[in-house]
């Protein structure tokens, strides 16, 4: 197998990593397993171009992308559009997609697992055509990310500290908004503080990530309007891996979820795989694409 590895040297753990030494270890792991590999460490602004260029090559059997959750999401979108198998090196803060794939979260251990791995057909989600590998969310999560991004931080610890400050801010100012939705033909209107639509349902007794990326369904979760005590309770349930079991969460699964926001008269935000984005309109079409994302994963 011939592989191109592209690492975002500005992303997450890689910012403090000797990328030359790391590249040598990755090369050794793949060559020992009998593969050819090319390695490039590029800046964040160069990642998209490097990914697209690699996926258009006719001589590659797979690409490997390394970086934070945003980098991995972007790589998955490019790989999906081009039918290119993708392996991931998790170098971010949460690495939720890598957790779903049961990959080592240590950047030094992941290459050997991928080098001896296999390719599977996994699912990928989309929001108005934009790919996501983890989740689309609105409400509490979007407000917390917006607050966090208003603070300055330059390290992983700084990001964690900013996230804590943002979470406290959301506790005392939770959102409350109205949605209309159609989930596989079931139509309903609700007042909510949070919406999450995941690429496959989240696992039981885990943080908010899927145990399996091949079920062919979206997970659809809402939380009712919450006061500060309710936000704290929900956060506690999430941190102890009981999100799906929380009495505050209403859950279903679907092949397609269409959202409409009837009373929105201002700019609203969503979060797609950790990236805060403005909604361009009052409607969002969320879809699952079963088996369309080829992934390089561990051998078991």
C-alpha atoms as a PDB file:
ATOM      1  CA  UNK A   1       0.000   0.000   0.000  1.00  0.00           C
ATOM      2  CA  UNK A   2       1.247   3.485  -0.862  1.00  0.00           C
ATOM      3  CA  UNK A   3       0.308   6.139   1.689  1.00  0.00           C
ATOM      4  CA  UNK A   4       0.667   9.903   2.030  1.00  0.00           C
ATOM      5  CA  UNK A   5       0.746  11.220   5.606  1.00  0.00           C
ATOM      6  CA  UNK A   6      -0.061  14.911   6.122  1.00  0.00           C
ATOM      7  CA  UNK A   7       0.359  16.435   9.579  1.00  0.00           C
ATOM      8  CA  UNK A   8      -0.864  19.825  10.739  1.00  0.00           C
ATOM      9  CA  UNK A   9       2.201  21.046  12.594  1.00  0.00           C
ATOM     10  CA  UNK A  10       0.144  23.922  14.065  1.00  0.00           C
ATOM     11  CA  UNK A  11      -2.505  21.638  15.511  1.00  0.00           C
ATOM     12  CA  UNK A  12      -2.824  20.384  19.075  1.00  0.00           C
ATOM     13  CA  UNK A  13      -0.013  18.149  20.317  1.00  0.00           C
ATOM     14  CA  UNK A  14       2.024  18.670  17.143  1.00  0.00           C
ATOM     15  CA  UNK A  15       2.757  22.276  18.109  1.00  0.00           C
ATOM     16  CA  UNK A  16       5.152  21.009  20.779  1.00  0.00           C
ATOM     17  CA  UNK A  17       6.398  17.918  18.929  1.00  0.00           C
ATOM     18  CA  UNK A  18       9.719  17.437  17.121  1.00  0.00           C
ATOM     19  CA  UNK A  19       8.078  16.812  13.751  1.00  0.00           C
ATOM     20  CA  UNK A  20      11.257  15.532  12.092  1.00  0.00           C
ATOM     21  CA  UNK A  21      11.682  12.852  14.764  1.00  0.00           C
ATOM     22  CA  UNK A  22       7.994  12.066  14.624  1.00  0.00           C
ATOM     23  CA  UNK A  23       8.067  11.712  10.849  1.00  0.00           C
ATOM     24  CA  UNK A  24      10.952   9.254  11.085  1.00  0.00           C
ATOM     25  CA  UNK A  25       9.006   7.083  13.531  1.00  0.00           C
ATOM     26  CA  UNK A  26       5.893   7.107  11.344  1.00  0.00           C
ATOM     27  CA  UNK A  27       7.985   6.193   8.314  1.00  0.00           C
ATOM     28  CA  UNK A  28       9.626   3.314  10.168  1.00  0.00           C
ATOM     29  CA  UNK A  29       6.262   1.947  11.365  1.00  0.00           C
ATOM     30  CA  UNK A  30       4.776   1.878   7.873  1.00  0.00           C
ATOM     31  CA  UNK A  31       7.869   0.604   6.091  1.00  0.00           C
ATOM     32  CA  UNK A  32       8.268  -2.188   8.634  1.00  0.00           C
ATOM     33  CA  UNK A  33       4.681  -3.203   7.864  1.00  0.00           C
ATOM     34  CA  UNK A  34       5.529  -3.358   4.162  1.00  0.00           C
ATOM     35  CA  UNK A  35       4.069  -0.041   2.953  1.00  0.00           C
ATOM     36  CA  UNK A  36       5.460   2.900   1.029  1.00  0.00           C
ATOM     37  CA  UNK A  37       4.864   6.228   2.722  1.00  0.00           C
ATOM     38  CA  UNK A  38       5.463   9.912   2.045  1.00  0.00           C
ATOM     39  CA  UNK A  39       5.321  12.362   4.933  1.00  0.00           C
ATOM     40  CA  UNK A  40       4.588  16.082   4.952  1.00  0.00           C
ATOM     41  CA  UNK A  41       4.235  18.392   7.955  1.00  0.00           C
ATOM     42  CA  UNK A  42       2.504  21.601   6.863  1.00  0.00           C
ATOM     43  CA  UNK A  43       0.983  24.672   8.466  1.00  0.00           C
ATOM     44  CA  UNK A  44      -2.712  24.936   9.221  1.00  0.00           C
ATOM     45  CA  UNK A  45      -3.290  27.248   6.246  1.00  0.00           C
ATOM     46  CA  UNK A  46      -1.765  24.656   3.907  1.00  0.00           C
ATOM     47  CA  UNK A  47      -3.683  21.591   5.118  1.00  0.00           C
ATOM     48  CA  UNK A  48      -6.718  21.873   2.855  1.00  0.00           C
ATOM     49  CA  UNK A  49      -4.633  22.223  -0.293  1.00  0.00           C
ATOM     50  CA  UNK A  50      -2.300  19.396   0.741  1.00  0.00           C
ATOM     51  CA  UNK A  51      -5.246  17.069   1.457  1.00  0.00           C
ATOM     52  CA  UNK A  52      -7.012  17.844  -1.794  1.00  0.00           C
ATOM     53  CA  UNK A  53      -3.818  17.426  -3.814  1.00  0.00           C
ATOM     54  CA  UNK A  54      -3.087  14.048  -2.219  1.00  0.00           C
ATOM     55  CA  UNK A  55      -6.642  12.779  -2.753  1.00  0.00           C
ATOM     56  CA  UNK A  56      -6.494  13.616  -6.453  1.00  0.00           C
ATOM     57  CA  UNK A  57      -3.375  11.511  -6.980  1.00  0.00           C
ATOM     58  CA  UNK A  58      -3.902   8.259  -8.780  1.00  0.00           C
ATOM     59  CA  UNK A  59      -0.947   6.420  -7.233  1.00  0.00           C
ATOM     60  CA  UNK A  60      -2.027   6.525  -3.571  1.00  0.00           C
ATOM     61  CA  UNK A  61      -3.973   3.817  -1.760  1.00  0.00           C
ATOM     62  CA  UNK A  62      -4.695   5.891   1.367  1.00  0.00           C
ATOM     63  CA  UNK A  63      -3.910   9.115   3.178  1.00  0.00           C
ATOM     64  CA  UNK A  64      -3.185   9.639   6.869  1.00  0.00           C
ATOM     65  CA  UNK A  65      -4.083  12.978   8.445  1.00  0.00           C
ATOM     66  CA  UNK A  66      -2.781  14.175  11.789  1.00  0.00           C
ATOM     67  CA  UNK A  67      -3.969  17.081  13.898  1.00  0.00           C
ATOM     68  CA  UNK A  68      -6.798  18.297  16.075  1.00  0.00           C
ATOM     69  CA  UNK A  69     -10.478  17.530  15.633  1.00  0.00           C
ATOM     70  CA  UNK A  70     -10.947  20.285  13.050  1.00  0.00           C
ATOM     71  CA  UNK A  71      -8.094  18.941  10.935  1.00  0.00           C
ATOM     72  CA  UNK A  72      -9.461  15.403  11.066  1.00  0.00           C
ATOM     73  CA  UNK A  73     -12.957  16.588  10.130  1.00  0.00           C
ATOM     74  CA  UNK A  74     -11.594  18.504   7.136  1.00  0.00           C
ATOM     75  CA  UNK A  75      -9.552  15.490   6.058  1.00  0.00           C
ATOM     76  CA  UNK A  76     -12.587  13.207   6.284  1.00  0.00           C
ATOM     77  CA  UNK A  77     -14.620  15.578   4.118  1.00  0.00           C
ATOM     78  CA  UNK A  78     -11.949  15.604   1.402  1.00  0.00           C
ATOM     79  CA  UNK A  79     -11.427  11.831   1.612  1.00  0.00           C
ATOM     80  CA  UNK A  80     -15.192  11.213   1.410  1.00  0.00           C
ATOM     81  CA  UNK A  81     -15.624  13.379  -1.687  1.00  0.00           C
ATOM     82  CA  UNK A  82     -12.732  11.627  -3.419  1.00  0.00           C
ATOM     83  CA  UNK A  83     -13.325   8.042  -2.261  1.00  0.00           C
ATOM     84  CA  UNK A  84      -9.880   7.928  -0.639  1.00  0.00           C
ATOM     85  CA  UNK A  85      -9.282   5.745   2.456  1.00  0.00           C
ATOM     86  CA  UNK A  86      -8.301   7.829   5.490  1.00  0.00           C
ATOM     87  CA  UNK A  87      -6.281   7.058   8.590  1.00  0.00           C
ATOM     88  CA  UNK A  88      -6.139   9.525  11.482  1.00  0.00           C
ATOM     89  CA  UNK A  89      -3.479  10.482  14.020  1.00  0.00           C
ATOM     90  CA  UNK A  90      -5.288  12.136  16.955  1.00  0.00           C
ATOM     91  CA  UNK A  91      -3.378  15.219  18.100  1.00  0.00           C
ATOM     92  CA  UNK A  92      -6.239  17.299  19.486  1.00  0.00           C
ATOM     93  CA  UNK A  93      -7.782  17.926  22.898  1.00  0.00           C
ATOM     94  CA  UNK A  94     -10.741  15.523  22.919  1.00  0.00           C
ATOM     95  CA  UNK A  95     -10.089  13.345  19.835  1.00  0.00           C
ATOM     96  CA  UNK A  96     -13.660  12.047  19.897  1.00  0.00           C
ATOM     97  CA  UNK A  97     -13.560  10.610  16.387  1.00  0.00           C
ATOM     98  CA  UNK A  98     -10.382   8.674  17.193  1.00  0.00           C
ATOM     99  CA  UNK A  99     -12.087   7.333  20.316  1.00  0.00           C
ATOM    100  CA  UNK A 100     -14.922   6.032  18.136  1.00  0.00           C
ATOM    101  CA  UNK A 101     -12.316   4.264  15.996  1.00  0.00           C
ATOM    102  CA  UNK A 102     -10.687   2.815  19.137  1.00  0.00           C
ATOM    103  CA  UNK A 103      -7.303   4.226  18.140  1.00  0.00           C
ATOM    104  CA  UNK A 104      -4.540   4.978  20.653  1.00  0.00           C
ATOM    105  CA  UNK A 105      -4.717   8.613  21.715  1.00  0.00           C
ATOM    106  CA  UNK A 106      -0.915   8.724  21.982  1.00  0.00           C
ATOM    107  CA  UNK A 107       0.473  10.142  18.721  1.00  0.00           C
ATOM    108  CA  UNK A 108       3.551   7.928  19.071  1.00  0.00           C
ATOM    109  CA  UNK A 109       1.522   4.713  19.296  1.00  0.00           C
ATOM    110  CA  UNK A 110      -1.161   5.355  16.672  1.00  0.00           C
ATOM    111  CA  UNK A 111       1.071   4.974  13.556  1.00  0.00           C
ATOM    112  CA  UNK A 112       1.980   1.366  14.283  1.00  0.00           C
ATOM    113  CA  UNK A 113      -1.703   0.484  14.770  1.00  0.00           C
ATOM    114  CA  UNK A 114      -2.608   2.105  11.453  1.00  0.00           C
ATOM    115  CA  UNK A 115       0.330   0.521   9.635  1.00  0.00           C
ATOM    116  CA  UNK A 116      -0.910  -2.933  10.629  1.00  0.00           C
ATOM    117  CA  UNK A 117      -4.580  -2.062  10.217  1.00  0.00           C
ATOM    118  CA  UNK A 118      -7.371  -2.641   7.741  1.00  0.00           C
ATOM    119  CA  UNK A 119      -9.776  -0.512   5.702  1.00  0.00           C
ATOM    120  CA  UNK A 120     -13.458  -0.448   6.629  1.00  0.00           C
ATOM    121  CA  UNK A 121     -16.530   1.205   5.126  1.00  0.00           C
ATOM    122  CA  UNK A 122     -17.831   3.633   7.754  1.00  0.00           C
ATOM    123  CA  UNK A 123     -20.612   6.215   7.883  1.00  0.00           C
ATOM    124  CA  UNK A 124     -20.329   9.973   7.610  1.00  0.00           C
ATOM    125  CA  UNK A 125     -22.899  12.674   8.301  1.00  0.00           C
ATOM    126  CA  UNK A 126     -23.662  15.909   6.484  1.00  0.00           C
ATOM    127  CA  UNK A 127     -25.351  19.199   7.365  1.00  0.00           C
ATOM    128  CA  UNK A 128     -26.614  20.921   4.229  1.00  0.00           C
ATOM    129  CA  UNK A 129     -23.946  18.958   2.362  1.00  0.00           C
ATOM    130  CA  UNK A 130     -21.084  19.815   4.724  1.00  0.00           C
ATOM    131  CA  UNK A 131     -19.510  16.643   6.088  1.00  0.00           C
ATOM    132  CA  UNK A 132     -19.190  15.859   9.772  1.00  0.00           C
ATOM    133  CA  UNK A 133     -17.636  12.816  11.428  1.00  0.00           C
ATOM    134  CA  UNK A 134     -18.698  13.526  14.996  1.00  0.00           C
ATOM    135  CA  UNK A 135     -21.653  15.867  15.506  1.00  0.00           C
ATOM    136  CA  UNK A 136     -23.680  18.900  14.558  1.00  0.00           C
ATOM    137  CA  UNK A 137     -24.879  20.833  17.611  1.00  0.00           C
ATOM    138  CA  UNK A 138     -26.677  24.016  18.615  1.00  0.00           C
ATOM    139  CA  UNK A 139     -27.661  25.745  21.811  1.00  0.00           C
ATOM    140  CA  UNK A 140     -25.538  25.034  24.903  1.00  0.00           C
ATOM    141  CA  UNK A 141     -22.546  23.697  22.982  1.00  0.00           C
ATOM    142  CA  UNK A 142     -22.504  26.489  20.418  1.00  0.00           C
ATOM    143  CA  UNK A 143     -22.770  29.144  23.128  1.00  0.00           C
ATOM    144  CA  UNK A 144     -19.925  27.561  25.090  1.00  0.00           C
ATOM    145  CA  UNK A 145     -17.663  27.454  22.022  1.00  0.00           C
ATOM    146  CA  UNK A 146     -18.516  31.081  21.242  1.00  0.00           C
ATOM    147  CA  UNK A 147     -17.627  32.122  24.784  1.00  0.00           C
ATOM    148  CA  UNK A 148     -14.424  30.043  24.689  1.00  0.00           C
ATOM    149  CA  UNK A 149     -13.290  31.608  21.435  1.00  0.00           C
ATOM    150  CA  UNK A 150     -13.674  35.064  22.963  1.00  0.00           C
ATOM    151  CA  UNK A 151     -10.793  34.185  25.312  1.00  0.00           C
ATOM    152  CA  UNK A 152      -7.164  34.019  24.279  1.00  0.00           C
ATOM    153  CA  UNK A 153      -5.177  30.827  24.729  1.00  0.00           C
ATOM    154  CA  UNK A 154      -2.037  29.414  23.112  1.00  0.00           C
ATOM    155  CA  UNK A 155      -1.777  25.890  24.488  1.00  0.00           C
ATOM    156  CA  UNK A 156      -3.823  22.801  25.213  1.00  0.00           C
ATOM    157  CA  UNK A 157      -3.972  23.713  28.889  1.00  0.00           C
ATOM    158  CA  UNK A 158      -4.997  27.224  27.949  1.00  0.00           C
ATOM    159  CA  UNK A 159      -7.808  25.828  25.809  1.00  0.00           C
ATOM    160  CA  UNK A 160      -8.995  23.654  28.684  1.00  0.00           C
ATOM    161  CA  UNK A 161      -8.965  26.667  31.018  1.00  0.00           C
ATOM    162  CA  UNK A 162     -10.895  28.739  28.485  1.00  0.00           C
ATOM    163  CA  UNK A 163     -13.419  25.921  28.130  1.00  0.00           C
ATOM    164  CA  UNK A 164     -13.983  25.854  31.879  1.00  0.00           C
ATOM    165  CA  UNK A 165     -14.566  29.625  31.959  1.00  0.00           C
ATOM    166  CA  UNK A 166     -16.941  29.334  28.998  1.00  0.00           C
ATOM    167  CA  UNK A 167     -18.864  26.498  30.643  1.00  0.00           C
ATOM    168  CA  UNK A 168     -19.388  28.602  33.762  1.00  0.00           C
ATOM    169  CA  UNK A 169     -20.685  31.436  31.589  1.00  0.00           C
ATOM    170  CA  UNK A 170     -23.199  29.134  29.889  1.00  0.00           C
ATOM    171  CA  UNK A 171     -24.439  27.793  33.233  1.00  0.00           C
ATOM    172  CA  UNK A 172     -25.647  31.275  34.156  1.00  0.00           C
ATOM    173  CA  UNK A 173     -26.926  32.162  30.676  1.00  0.00           C
ATOM    174  CA  UNK A 174     -28.376  29.032  29.034  1.00  0.00           C
ATOM    175  CA  UNK A 175     -30.087  29.430  25.653  1.00  0.00           C
ATOM    176  CA  UNK A 176     -33.793  28.794  25.097  1.00  0.00           C
ATOM    177  CA  UNK A 177     -35.162  28.574  21.566  1.00  0.00           C
ATOM    178  CA  UNK A 178     -37.869  26.882  19.508  1.00  0.00           C
ATOM    179  CA  UNK A 179     -37.334  24.242  16.835  1.00  0.00           C
ATOM    180  CA  UNK A 180     -39.484  22.329  14.411  1.00  0.00           C
ATOM    181  CA  UNK A 181     -38.069  19.047  13.193  1.00  0.00           C
ATOM    182  CA  UNK A 182     -38.814  16.130  10.909  1.00  0.00           C
ATOM    183  CA  UNK A 183     -36.980  12.914  11.824  1.00  0.00           C
ATOM    184  CA  UNK A 184     -37.773  10.233   9.251  1.00  0.00           C
ATOM    185  CA  UNK A 185     -41.310  11.574   8.902  1.00  0.00           C
ATOM    186  CA  UNK A 186     -41.973  12.226  12.602  1.00  0.00           C
ATOM    187  CA  UNK A 187     -42.745  15.938  12.916  1.00  0.00           C
ATOM    188  CA  UNK A 188     -42.711  17.879  16.160  1.00  0.00           C
ATOM    189  CA  UNK A 189     -42.134  21.325  17.661  1.00  0.00           C
ATOM    190  CA  UNK A 190     -40.118  21.790  20.860  1.00  0.00           C
ATOM    191  CA  UNK A 191     -38.551  24.458  23.049  1.00  0.00           C
ATOM    192  CA  UNK A 192     -34.963  23.421  23.754  1.00  0.00           C
ATOM    193  CA  UNK A 193     -31.676  24.524  25.259  1.00  0.00           C
ATOM    194  CA  UNK A 194     -29.588  22.081  23.210  1.00  0.00           C
ATOM    195  CA  UNK A 195     -29.636  19.996  20.037  1.00  0.00           C
ATOM    196  CA  UNK A 196     -27.089  17.394  19.004  1.00  0.00           C
ATOM    197  CA  UNK A 197     -27.129  15.290  15.852  1.00  0.00           C
ATOM    198  CA  UNK A 198     -24.346  12.713  15.775  1.00  0.00           C
ATOM    199  CA  UNK A 199     -22.751  10.511  13.144  1.00  0.00           C
ATOM    200  CA  UNK A 200     -24.164   7.271  14.614  1.00  0.00           C
ATOM    201  CA  UNK A 201     -25.700   7.246  18.102  1.00  0.00           C
ATOM    202  CA  UNK A 202     -23.424   8.049  21.007  1.00  0.00           C
ATOM    203  CA  UNK A 203     -22.275   5.071  23.055  1.00  0.00           C
ATOM    204  CA  UNK A 204     -23.558   4.109  26.486  1.00  0.00           C
ATOM    205  CA  UNK A 205     -21.287   4.860  29.451  1.00  0.00           C
ATOM    206  CA  UNK A 206     -18.872   6.976  27.387  1.00  0.00           C
ATOM    207  CA  UNK A 207     -18.200  10.606  26.655  1.00  0.00           C
ATOM    208  CA  UNK A 208     -20.223  11.898  23.714  1.00  0.00           C
ATOM    209  CA  UNK A 209     -18.825   9.727  20.943  1.00  0.00           C
ATOM    210  CA  UNK A 210     -20.148   6.768  18.963  1.00  0.00           C
ATOM    211  CA  UNK A 211     -19.126   3.210  19.827  1.00  0.00           C
ATOM    212  CA  UNK A 212     -19.799   2.124  16.253  1.00  0.00           C
ATOM    213  CA  UNK A 213     -19.561   4.128  13.021  1.00  0.00           C
ATOM    214  CA  UNK A 214     -21.330   1.583  10.845  1.00  0.00           C
ATOM    215  CA  UNK A 215     -24.930   1.489  12.138  1.00  0.00           C
ATOM    216  CA  UNK A 216     -26.192   3.711   9.317  1.00  0.00           C
ATOM    217  CA  UNK A 217     -28.182   6.098  11.541  1.00  0.00           C
ATOM    218  CA  UNK A 218     -27.889   9.565  12.994  1.00  0.00           C
ATOM    219  CA  UNK A 219     -28.308  10.051  16.715  1.00  0.00           C
ATOM    220  CA  UNK A 220     -30.711  12.924  17.491  1.00  0.00           C
ATOM    221  CA  UNK A 221     -30.731  14.413  20.994  1.00  0.00           C
ATOM    222  CA  UNK A 222     -32.484  17.403  22.538  1.00  0.00           C
ATOM    223  CA  UNK A 223     -32.524  18.951  26.007  1.00  0.00           C
ATOM    224  CA  UNK A 224     -35.503  21.037  27.198  1.00  0.00           C
ATOM    225  CA  UNK A 225     -35.154  24.667  28.349  1.00  0.00           C
ATOM    226  CA  UNK A 226     -32.761  24.520  31.302  1.00  0.00           C
ATOM    227  CA  UNK A 227     -32.085  26.727  34.264  1.00  0.00           C
ATOM    228  CA  UNK A 228     -28.583  26.914  35.773  1.00  0.00           C
ATOM    229  CA  UNK A 229     -29.128  23.871  38.021  1.00  0.00           C
ATOM    230  CA  UNK A 230     -30.279  21.851  35.017  1.00  0.00           C
ATOM    231  CA  UNK A 231     -27.209  22.833  33.000  1.00  0.00           C
ATOM    232  CA  UNK A 232     -24.977  21.715  35.872  1.00  0.00           C
ATOM    233  CA  UNK A 233     -26.854  18.411  36.114  1.00  0.00           C
ATOM    234  CA  UNK A 234     -26.505  17.788  32.374  1.00  0.00           C
ATOM    235  CA  UNK A 235     -22.788  18.662  32.449  1.00  0.00           C
ATOM    236  CA  UNK A 236     -22.288  16.222  35.313  1.00  0.00           C
ATOM    237  CA  UNK A 237     -24.093  13.482  33.377  1.00  0.00           C
ATOM    238  CA  UNK A 238     -21.877  14.138  30.333  1.00  0.00           C
ATOM    239  CA  UNK A 239     -18.638  14.071  32.322  1.00  0.00           C
ATOM    240  CA  UNK A 240     -19.494  10.750  33.945  1.00  0.00           C
ATOM    241  CA  UNK A 241     -20.444   9.192  30.604  1.00  0.00           C
ATOM    242  CA  UNK A 242     -24.195   9.148  31.277  1.00  0.00           C
ATOM    243  CA  UNK A 243     -25.361  11.573  28.591  1.00  0.00           C
ATOM    244  CA  UNK A 244     -27.752   9.101  26.957  1.00  0.00           C
ATOM    245  CA  UNK A 245     -29.106   8.014  30.319  1.00  0.00           C
ATOM    246  CA  UNK A 246     -29.780  11.552  31.520  1.00  0.00           C
ATOM    247  CA  UNK A 247     -33.414  12.319  32.298  1.00  0.00           C
ATOM    248  CA  UNK A 248     -32.853  15.687  30.646  1.00  0.00           C
ATOM    249  CA  UNK A 249     -32.177  14.154  27.220  1.00  0.00           C
ATOM    250  CA  UNK A 250     -34.738  13.045  24.658  1.00  0.00           C
ATOM    251  CA  UNK A 251     -33.202  10.655  22.141  1.00  0.00           C
ATOM    252  CA  UNK A 252     -34.094   9.104  18.820  1.00  0.00           C
ATOM    253  CA  UNK A 253     -32.245   7.881  15.726  1.00  0.00           C
ATOM    254  CA  UNK A 254     -32.987   8.596  12.092  1.00  0.00           C
ATOM    255  CA  UNK A 255     -31.654   8.449   8.572  1.00  0.00           C
ATOM    256  CA  UNK A 256     -32.604  12.091   8.004  1.00  0.00           C
ATOM    257  CA  UNK A 257     -33.309  15.019  10.317  1.00  0.00           C
ATOM    258  CA  UNK A 258     -34.611  18.356   9.023  1.00  0.00           C
ATOM    259  CA  UNK A 259     -34.516  21.284  11.429  1.00  0.00           C
ATOM    260  CA  UNK A 260     -36.412  24.553  11.152  1.00  0.00           C
ATOM    261  CA  UNK A 261     -36.137  27.581  13.443  1.00  0.00           C
ATOM    262  CA  UNK A 262     -39.440  29.461  13.164  1.00  0.00           C
ATOM    263  CA  UNK A 263     -38.729  32.368  15.503  1.00  0.00           C
ATOM    264  CA  UNK A 264     -35.113  33.193  14.724  1.00  0.00           C
ATOM    265  CA  UNK A 265     -34.679  36.818  13.662  1.00  0.00           C
ATOM    266  CA  UNK A 266     -30.956  37.169  14.280  1.00  0.00           C
ATOM    267  CA  UNK A 267     -27.717  35.361  13.509  1.00  0.00           C
ATOM    268  CA  UNK A 268     -27.498  31.950  15.164  1.00  0.00           C
ATOM    269  CA  UNK A 269     -24.549  29.614  15.407  1.00  0.00           C
ATOM    270  CA  UNK A 270     -23.969  25.903  15.183  1.00  0.00           C
ATOM    271  CA  UNK A 271     -20.947  23.737  15.900  1.00  0.00           C
ATOM    272  CA  UNK A 272     -19.804  21.148  13.361  1.00  0.00           C
ATOM    273  CA  UNK A 273     -17.049  18.861  14.627  1.00  0.00           C
ATOM    274  CA  UNK A 274     -15.902  21.505  17.096  1.00  0.00           C
ATOM    275  CA  UNK A 275     -15.937  24.452  14.657  1.00  0.00           C
ATOM    276  CA  UNK A 276     -18.280  27.362  15.388  1.00  0.00           C
ATOM    277  CA  UNK A 277     -20.184  28.374  12.255  1.00  0.00           C
ATOM    278  CA  UNK A 278     -23.049  30.777  11.520  1.00  0.00           C
ATOM    279  CA  UNK A 279     -26.250  29.309  10.120  1.00  0.00           C
ATOM    280  CA  UNK A 280     -26.948  30.832   6.742  1.00  0.00           C
ATOM    281  CA  UNK A 281     -30.706  30.198   6.934  1.00  0.00           C
ATOM    282  CA  UNK A 282     -33.498  28.947   9.190  1.00  0.00           C
ATOM    283  CA  UNK A 283     -33.425  25.362   7.896  1.00  0.00           C
ATOM    284  CA  UNK A 284     -30.791  22.628   8.154  1.00  0.00           C
ATOM    285  CA  UNK A 285     -30.907  19.240   6.431  1.00  0.00           C
ATOM    286  CA  UNK A 286     -28.925  16.538   8.253  1.00  0.00           C
ATOM    287  CA  UNK A 287     -28.223  13.212   6.573  1.00  0.00           C
ATOM    288  CA  UNK A 288     -26.291   9.988   7.173  1.00  0.00           C
ATOM    289  CA  UNK A 289     -24.259   8.447   4.335  1.00  0.00           C
ATOM    290  CA  UNK A 290     -23.863   4.770   5.257  1.00  0.00           C
ATOM    291  CA  UNK A 291     -20.608   3.092   4.317  1.00  0.00           C
ATOM    292  CA  UNK A 292     -19.367   6.009   2.210  1.00  0.00           C
ATOM    293  CA  UNK A 293     -16.268   6.914   4.247  1.00  0.00           C
ATOM    294  CA  UNK A 294     -13.364   4.498   3.863  1.00  0.00           C
ATOM    295  CA  UNK A 295     -11.267   4.417   7.035  1.00  0.00           C
ATOM    296  CA  UNK A 296      -7.926   2.882   7.905  1.00  0.00           C
ATOM    297  CA  UNK A 297      -8.355   1.456  11.398  1.00  0.00           C
ATOM    298  CA  UNK A 298      -6.729  -1.064  13.714  1.00  0.00           C
ATOM    299  CA  UNK A 299      -6.615  -4.755  12.842  1.00  0.00           C
ATOM    300  CA  UNK A 300      -9.253  -5.730  15.416  1.00  0.00           C
END
